[in-house]
Protein backbone atom coordinates (compact mmCIF):
# COMPACT_ATOMS: atom_id res chain seq x y z
CA MET A 1 -88.49 57.02 41.74
CA ARG A 2 -87.41 57.32 38.11
CA LYS A 3 -84.37 59.27 39.24
CA PHE A 4 -83.37 56.63 41.76
CA GLY A 5 -84.01 53.89 39.21
CA SER A 6 -81.75 55.62 36.73
CA ILE A 7 -79.02 55.95 39.33
CA PHE A 8 -79.35 52.26 40.21
CA VAL A 9 -79.08 51.25 36.53
CA ASN A 10 -75.99 53.42 36.12
CA ILE A 11 -74.39 51.77 39.14
CA ILE A 12 -75.09 48.31 37.72
CA LEU A 13 -73.62 49.32 34.36
CA SER A 14 -70.55 50.78 36.06
CA VAL A 15 -69.96 47.58 38.00
CA ARG A 16 -70.31 45.54 34.81
CA ASN A 17 -67.87 47.83 33.02
CA MET A 18 -65.38 47.47 35.85
CA LYS A 19 -65.69 43.68 35.68
CA THR A 20 -65.19 43.79 31.92
CA ILE A 21 -62.11 45.99 32.31
CA ALA A 22 -60.71 43.67 34.97
CA ILE A 23 -61.27 40.60 32.77
CA ASN A 24 -59.73 42.30 29.75
CA THR A 25 -56.74 43.42 31.83
CA THR A 26 -56.24 39.86 33.10
CA LEU A 27 -56.39 38.49 29.55
CA ILE A 28 -53.86 41.07 28.38
CA LEU A 29 -51.49 40.19 31.22
CA VAL A 30 -51.82 36.48 30.48
CA LEU A 31 -51.06 37.17 26.82
CA ILE A 32 -47.99 39.23 27.73
CA PHE A 33 -46.65 36.54 30.05
CA SER A 34 -47.30 33.91 27.40
CA LEU A 35 -45.33 35.87 24.84
CA LEU A 36 -42.49 36.38 27.30
CA SER A 37 -42.46 32.69 28.15
CA CYS A 38 -42.14 31.59 24.53
CA LYS A 39 -38.88 32.50 22.88
CA LYS A 40 -39.08 31.83 19.15
CA HIS A 41 -36.20 30.48 17.11
CA PRO A 42 -35.98 29.22 13.53
CA ARG A 43 -36.53 25.44 13.75
CA VAL A 44 -34.44 22.88 11.94
CA SER A 45 -35.85 19.98 13.98
CA GLU A 46 -38.97 19.12 15.94
CA GLU A 47 -37.44 19.96 19.32
CA GLU A 48 -34.42 21.58 20.94
CA ALA A 49 -30.99 20.00 20.39
CA TYR A 50 -30.02 17.09 22.61
CA TYR A 51 -26.41 16.84 23.82
CA ASN A 52 -26.24 13.18 24.81
CA PHE A 53 -23.42 10.96 25.99
CA ASP A 54 -21.94 9.10 23.02
CA ALA A 55 -19.56 6.13 22.79
CA THR A 56 -16.51 8.37 23.18
CA ASP A 57 -17.93 9.90 26.35
CA HIS A 58 -18.77 6.51 27.86
CA ALA A 59 -15.16 5.43 27.28
CA ARG A 60 -14.02 8.44 29.33
CA ILE A 61 -16.47 7.75 32.19
CA PRO A 62 -15.56 5.08 34.80
CA ASP A 63 -17.89 2.08 34.74
CA HIS A 64 -18.19 2.06 38.51
CA VAL A 65 -21.18 0.53 40.27
CA VAL A 66 -22.74 1.29 43.64
CA GLY A 67 -20.99 -0.68 46.38
CA GLN A 68 -17.69 -0.98 44.49
CA GLU A 69 -14.63 -0.32 46.67
CA LEU A 70 -11.58 1.65 45.56
CA LEU A 71 -8.52 0.95 47.70
CA TYR A 72 -5.63 3.43 47.90
CA LYS A 73 -2.33 2.56 49.58
CA ASN A 74 0.82 4.56 50.32
CA GLU A 75 4.43 3.46 50.63
CA ASN A 76 4.21 3.48 54.44
CA GLY A 77 1.46 0.90 54.70
CA GLY A 78 -1.44 3.33 55.02
CA GLN A 79 -4.77 2.48 53.41
CA ILE A 80 -7.87 4.47 52.47
CA THR A 81 -10.96 2.89 50.93
CA PHE A 82 -13.59 4.83 49.02
CA THR A 83 -16.89 3.10 48.23
CA VAL A 84 -19.14 4.13 45.35
CA SER A 85 -22.17 5.34 47.30
CA SER A 86 -24.30 6.62 44.41
CA PHE A 87 -24.35 6.57 40.61
CA ASP A 88 -26.95 9.06 39.42
CA LEU A 89 -27.45 9.26 35.65
CA SER A 90 -29.90 11.86 34.31
CA GLU A 91 -30.66 11.77 30.60
CA LYS A 92 -32.21 14.50 28.46
CA VAL A 93 -32.20 17.20 31.14
CA LEU A 94 -33.73 20.47 29.94
CA TYR A 95 -31.56 23.58 30.12
CA GLY A 96 -33.38 26.90 30.23
CA GLU A 97 -33.21 30.32 31.78
CA GLY A 98 -35.61 32.67 33.53
CA MET A 99 -38.93 31.92 35.20
CA GLY A 100 -41.74 30.88 32.89
CA PHE A 101 -45.46 31.52 33.37
CA PHE A 102 -46.75 28.24 31.97
CA SER A 103 -43.44 26.32 31.97
CA SER A 104 -40.34 25.92 34.16
CA TYR A 105 -38.29 28.43 32.17
CA ALA A 106 -38.98 31.64 30.29
CA ALA A 107 -36.65 30.36 27.56
CA GLU A 108 -35.92 26.69 26.87
CA TYR A 109 -32.71 26.04 24.95
CA PHE A 110 -31.55 22.42 24.75
CA TYR A 111 -31.33 19.02 26.44
CA TYR A 112 -28.21 17.37 27.84
CA ASP A 113 -27.01 14.30 29.77
CA ARG A 114 -25.32 14.41 33.16
CA LEU A 115 -23.93 11.89 35.61
CA ASN A 116 -22.98 12.33 39.27
CA VAL A 117 -20.95 9.65 41.02
CA GLU A 118 -20.38 9.86 44.78
CA TYR A 119 -17.53 8.18 46.67
CA THR A 120 -17.50 7.82 50.46
CA ASP A 121 -14.50 6.90 52.63
CA ASP A 122 -14.40 4.75 55.76
CA SER A 123 -15.04 7.80 57.97
CA GLY A 124 -18.12 8.91 56.05
CA TYR A 125 -16.43 11.75 54.15
CA ALA A 126 -17.62 11.94 50.54
CA TYR A 127 -16.73 13.58 47.28
CA ASN A 128 -18.45 13.72 43.92
CA VAL A 129 -17.33 13.51 40.30
CA SER A 130 -19.76 14.97 37.76
CA TYR A 131 -19.88 14.39 34.01
CA GLN A 132 -21.94 16.66 31.79
CA LYS A 133 -22.30 16.86 28.01
CA TRP A 134 -22.33 20.53 27.11
CA PRO A 135 -22.08 22.78 24.03
CA VAL A 136 -18.61 24.24 23.52
CA ASN A 137 -20.11 27.68 22.88
CA LEU A 138 -23.10 28.18 25.17
CA GLU A 139 -24.16 31.51 23.65
CA SER A 140 -24.14 30.06 20.14
CA ALA A 141 -26.21 27.09 21.32
CA LYS A 142 -28.70 29.45 22.95
CA ALA A 143 -28.92 31.61 19.83
CA ASP A 144 -29.93 28.59 17.70
CA PRO A 145 -31.20 25.95 20.14
CA TYR A 146 -32.74 23.70 17.49
CA LYS A 147 -29.40 23.09 15.80
CA LYS A 148 -26.94 20.81 17.59
CA GLN A 149 -23.60 22.54 18.03
CA ALA A 150 -20.10 21.25 18.78
CA SER A 151 -20.05 19.79 22.30
CA THR A 152 -17.67 18.51 24.94
CA LEU A 153 -17.68 16.39 28.09
CA LEU A 154 -17.25 18.50 31.22
CA ILE A 155 -15.75 16.69 34.24
CA GLN A 156 -15.49 18.14 37.74
CA ILE A 157 -14.39 16.85 41.16
CA SER A 158 -16.44 18.33 43.99
CA PHE A 159 -15.83 18.41 47.76
CA PHE A 160 -12.74 16.18 47.85
CA PRO A 161 -12.47 15.79 51.64
CA TYR A 162 -8.66 15.94 51.92
CA TRP A 163 -7.92 18.88 49.61
CA ASN A 164 -5.79 21.50 51.37
CA GLU A 165 -6.49 24.60 49.26
CA ALA A 166 -8.57 27.52 50.56
CA ASP A 167 -10.58 29.99 48.50
CA GLU A 168 -10.46 33.79 48.78
CA TYR A 169 -12.85 33.70 51.73
CA GLY A 170 -10.84 31.16 53.70
CA TYR A 171 -13.13 28.19 53.02
CA PRO A 172 -11.95 24.90 51.48
CA VAL A 173 -11.95 24.92 47.69
CA SER A 174 -14.95 22.81 46.68
CA TYR A 175 -14.67 22.43 42.90
CA LEU A 176 -11.76 21.12 40.85
CA PRO A 177 -12.34 21.17 37.06
CA VAL A 178 -10.80 18.20 35.29
CA ASN A 179 -9.25 19.79 32.22
CA ALA A 180 -5.76 20.45 30.87
CA SER A 181 -6.00 24.21 31.44
CA TYR A 182 -6.43 23.62 35.17
CA GLY A 183 -3.76 20.90 35.63
CA GLN A 184 -0.76 19.28 34.01
CA ILE A 185 -0.54 16.21 31.81
CA ALA A 186 1.69 13.59 33.46
CA ILE A 187 2.76 9.94 33.34
CA LEU A 188 2.16 7.82 36.42
CA THR A 189 3.30 4.26 37.11
CA ILE A 190 1.39 2.18 39.67
CA ASN A 191 2.34 -1.40 40.52
CA GLY A 192 4.30 -1.71 37.28
CA LYS A 193 1.50 -0.32 35.08
CA THR A 194 2.13 3.00 33.33
CA TYR A 195 -0.70 5.48 32.79
CA ASP A 196 0.00 8.02 30.06
CA GLY A 197 -2.08 11.19 29.78
CA VAL A 198 -2.86 11.52 33.50
CA LEU A 199 -4.18 14.90 34.58
CA LYS A 200 -2.16 16.13 37.57
CA ILE A 201 -4.10 18.71 39.58
CA VAL A 202 -1.82 20.71 41.88
CA SER A 203 -2.98 22.86 44.78
CA ASN A 204 -2.00 26.52 45.00
CA SER A 205 -1.17 25.98 48.67
CA ASN A 206 1.78 24.15 50.25
CA VAL A 207 0.41 24.15 53.80
CA PRO A 208 -2.36 21.97 55.31
CA PHE A 209 -5.83 23.49 55.63
CA SER A 210 -6.40 21.23 58.63
CA GLU A 211 -5.00 17.98 59.99
CA LYS A 212 -7.24 16.01 57.64
CA ARG A 213 -7.03 18.38 54.68
CA ASN A 214 -3.42 18.00 53.62
CA VAL A 215 -3.61 16.60 50.05
CA ASN A 216 -2.08 18.96 47.53
CA VAL A 217 -1.93 16.79 44.37
CA ILE A 218 -4.63 14.69 42.68
CA TYR A 219 -4.07 12.39 39.71
CA TYR A 220 -7.10 11.83 37.47
CA TYR A 221 -7.17 9.32 34.62
CA GLU A 222 -10.08 9.23 32.19
CA GLY A 223 -12.04 6.01 32.24
CA ILE A 224 -10.91 5.20 35.79
CA GLY A 225 -11.21 8.38 37.86
CA ILE A 226 -8.85 9.40 40.66
CA ILE A 227 -5.93 6.96 40.50
CA GLY A 228 -3.78 8.67 43.14
CA PHE A 229 -3.11 11.67 45.35
CA ASP A 230 -0.15 13.04 47.33
CA ASP A 231 -0.22 14.73 50.72
CA LEU A 232 2.06 17.19 52.46
CA ASP A 233 3.43 14.43 54.72
CA ASN A 234 5.11 12.95 51.61
CA ASN A 235 2.63 10.06 51.38
CA HIS A 236 1.85 8.92 47.84
CA TRP A 237 -1.56 7.26 47.75
CA ARG A 238 -2.18 5.04 44.73
CA LEU A 239 -5.20 3.10 43.52
CA GLN A 240 -4.66 -0.65 43.82
């Protein structure tokens, strides 16, 4: 009986040891994940830098409101109306990378503002213009996320429904960056009013993608948005 009792005690002790090892292993793993999820940087403020829209940015962003109609006409009597279908402003959005254990990201870097404005035509086709405040040098901002770096306003046109250009896979080009390196600076006169500093975005294709997708030039003016576009049928659509 003493022999069996000793064996039983040893089994109980072994089970307890295994439980202790399992608990210790779990605690070690939790500690490792916690360390991986917290990326330390020298702080110069209480929280990560915040790249917010300032007065200069607001002057460059159209003050459109949901329900507002934008009418475009061509010289042949054609009309297209786009209606502002959404105006989605998100302030102090967190930018991070990787998957965190206790948080959304393994590394949290900074906050920023973004705005998405959607325009829908009479046939239900929509496009989006996004505005995003962003550090000029992303890697530098990530290296020292508590110090606010030089920043810029990024503007992009997405899914313009009439754009004729195709990508390398044969699909319609979806994204058109609004910056001087992508287009040309031009002067445009509409109804006797001259717009100086218009960004002229020109397609790399001179053939229609489809019957509907035949626009090969877009004119973007800061503070207003798209003020005109030209198609391959020689129609010049201008904002009224």
